[in-house]
Protein backbone atom coordinates (compact mmCIF):
# COMPACT_ATOMS: atom_id res chain seq x y z
CA UNK A 1 134.39 169.15 262.77
CA UNK A 2 133.78 169.76 259.09
CA UNK A 3 130.90 167.29 259.14
CA UNK A 4 129.25 169.05 262.04
CA UNK A 5 129.34 172.40 260.22
CA UNK A 6 127.95 170.89 257.03
CA UNK A 7 125.24 169.08 259.00
CA UNK A 8 124.44 172.31 260.83
CA UNK A 9 124.23 174.18 257.51
CA UNK A 10 121.88 171.54 256.05
CA UNK A 11 119.76 171.69 259.19
CA UNK A 12 119.58 175.48 259.02
CA UNK A 13 118.64 175.37 255.31
CA UNK A 14 115.89 172.86 256.08
CA UNK A 15 114.55 175.01 258.92
CA UNK A 16 114.66 178.15 256.77
CA UNK A 17 112.82 176.30 254.02
CA UNK A 18 110.15 175.21 256.52
CA UNK A 19 109.69 178.83 257.54
CA UNK A 20 109.69 180.18 253.99
CA UNK A 21 106.66 178.17 252.87
CA UNK A 22 104.20 179.63 255.40
CA UNK A 23 105.58 183.14 254.85
CA UNK A 24 105.27 182.69 251.11
CA UNK A 25 101.64 181.68 251.57
CA UNK A 26 100.99 184.65 253.85
CA UNK A 27 102.71 187.00 251.43
CA UNK A 28 100.44 185.85 248.59
CA UNK A 29 97.40 186.26 250.84
CA UNK A 30 98.43 189.77 251.86
CA UNK A 31 99.10 190.70 248.23
CA UNK A 32 95.66 189.46 247.27
CA UNK A 33 94.00 191.42 250.09
CA UNK A 34 96.01 194.49 249.13
CA UNK A 35 94.82 194.26 245.51
CA UNK A 36 91.24 193.85 246.71
CA UNK A 37 91.59 196.89 248.97
CA UNK A 38 92.97 198.98 246.13
CA UNK A 39 90.06 197.94 243.90
CA UNK A 40 87.59 198.74 246.69
CA UNK A 41 89.24 202.12 247.24
CA UNK A 42 88.93 202.93 243.53
CA UNK A 43 85.25 201.93 243.45
CA UNK A 44 84.59 203.95 246.61
CA UNK A 45 86.30 207.03 245.19
CA UNK A 46 84.30 206.68 241.96
CA UNK A 47 81.05 206.42 243.92
CA UNK A 48 81.99 209.46 246.01
CA UNK A 49 82.69 211.47 242.87
CA UNK A 50 79.33 210.37 241.48
CA UNK A 51 77.56 211.43 244.68
CA UNK A 52 79.45 214.74 244.70
CA UNK A 53 78.11 215.44 241.21
CA UNK A 54 74.59 214.63 242.39
CA UNK A 55 74.94 216.90 245.42
CA UNK A 56 76.32 219.68 243.22
CA UNK A 57 73.25 219.36 240.99
CA UNK A 58 70.96 219.42 244.04
CA UNK A 59 72.78 222.50 245.34
CA UNK A 60 72.29 224.23 241.98
CA UNK A 61 68.61 223.26 241.94
CA UNK A 62 68.12 224.58 245.47
CA UNK A 63 69.92 227.83 244.59
CA UNK A 64 67.68 228.17 241.53
CA UNK A 65 64.62 227.58 243.69
CA UNK A 66 65.84 230.19 246.17
CA UNK A 67 66.13 232.64 243.30
CA UNK A 68 62.70 231.72 241.88
CA UNK A 69 60.66 231.65 245.12
CA UNK A 70 60.26 235.44 245.51
CA UNK A 71 58.83 235.69 241.96
CA UNK A 72 56.57 232.66 242.48
CA UNK A 73 55.21 233.99 245.78
CA UNK A 74 54.81 237.48 244.31
CA UNK A 75 52.87 236.14 241.31
CA UNK A 76 50.58 234.09 243.57
CA UNK A 77 49.97 237.05 245.89
CA UNK A 78 49.13 239.28 242.92
CA UNK A 79 46.64 236.67 241.67
CA UNK A 80 45.06 236.38 245.12
CA UNK A 81 44.80 240.14 245.49
CA UNK A 82 43.36 240.45 241.97
CA UNK A 83 40.71 237.82 242.76
CA UNK A 84 39.80 239.60 245.97
CA UNK A 85 39.20 242.82 244.06
CA UNK A 86 36.99 241.21 241.43
CA UNK A 87 33.28 241.59 241.99
CA UNK A 88 31.43 238.37 242.67
């Protein structure tokens, strides 16, 4: 009976070892993919921050233009009206 238990234990160890190799391979693959995903996430976040800065600048430029347009239009209209009043 002792031989059967020892043989069964050896058989189980062999079978576990056969299963461990593929799982070890898969674990390394998943770890590699995980690292790649983390790197991609970091790059993506950096790009988003960069684009946010660009959009903030565009928003400021647009706000500045909104503030400047009334003066620009007023100046042009004054010039047009002044030219209309000048004798030809």
